[in-house]
Amino acid sequence: MNAFGDENWDKVITDDGTEIAVIIFNNVEQWYFISALEHYLIEKLERPIFNKRC
């Protein structure tokens, strides 16, 4: 897995403490649930430095 040349993301992705999960939704009509899940996970999983607000 790579971050297409972004050095900051490469560090995150290659860090031994990084865990990556893939969640697949077969029904695209549930886009609102996908968006809500993303927001929930960002808030609950120690907000990544790239998702912090100023």
Protein backbone atom coordinates (compact mmCIF):
# COMPACT_ATOMS: atom_id res chain seq x y z
CA MET A 1 0.00 0.00 0.00
CA ASN A 2 1.32 3.46 -0.80
CA ALA A 3 0.21 7.08 -0.64
CA PHE A 4 1.24 7.98 -4.17
CA GLY A 5 4.35 9.89 -3.16
CA ASP A 6 2.96 11.88 -0.23
CA GLU A 7 5.75 11.58 2.36
CA ASN A 8 3.47 12.30 5.34
CA TRP A 9 0.95 9.63 4.37
CA ASP A 10 3.75 7.20 3.51
CA LYS A 11 4.99 7.52 7.12
CA VAL A 12 1.51 6.81 8.48
CA ILE A 13 0.88 3.86 6.18
CA THR A 14 4.25 2.19 6.74
CA ASP A 15 4.23 2.66 10.53
CA ASP A 16 4.03 -0.70 12.34
CA GLY A 17 1.29 0.68 14.60
CA THR A 18 -1.02 1.54 11.72
CA GLU A 19 -4.01 -0.72 11.17
CA ILE A 20 -6.02 -0.56 7.96
CA ALA A 21 -9.54 -1.92 7.49
CA VAL A 22 -11.72 -2.07 4.41
CA ILE A 23 -15.50 -1.83 4.68
CA ILE A 24 -17.46 -2.59 1.53
CA PHE A 25 -20.99 -1.36 0.87
CA ASN A 26 -22.77 -3.02 -2.01
CA ASN A 27 -25.71 -0.62 -2.01
CA VAL A 28 -24.56 2.80 -3.22
CA GLU A 29 -27.96 4.20 -2.31
CA GLN A 30 -26.83 4.08 1.34
CA TRP A 31 -24.31 6.91 0.81
CA TYR A 32 -25.67 8.76 3.84
CA PHE A 33 -24.77 5.80 6.10
CA ILE A 34 -21.27 5.61 4.62
CA SER A 35 -20.70 9.29 5.34
CA ALA A 36 -22.01 8.96 8.90
CA LEU A 37 -19.79 5.92 9.52
CA GLU A 38 -16.72 7.82 8.31
CA HIS A 39 -17.48 10.72 10.65
CA TYR A 40 -18.08 8.35 13.57
CA LEU A 41 -14.84 6.47 13.03
CA ILE A 42 -12.77 9.65 12.73
CA GLU A 43 -14.18 10.91 16.02
CA LYS A 44 -13.89 7.62 17.92
CA LEU A 45 -10.54 6.31 16.69
CA GLU A 46 -8.18 8.98 18.00
CA ARG A 47 -8.70 11.49 15.22
CA PRO A 48 -5.82 11.14 12.74
CA ILE A 49 -3.54 14.17 12.41
CA PHE A 50 -4.73 14.63 8.83
CA ASN A 51 -8.36 14.94 10.01
CA LYS A 52 -7.84 17.49 12.76
CA ARG A 53 -9.61 20.79 12.49
CA CYS A 54 -7.87 24.06 13.18
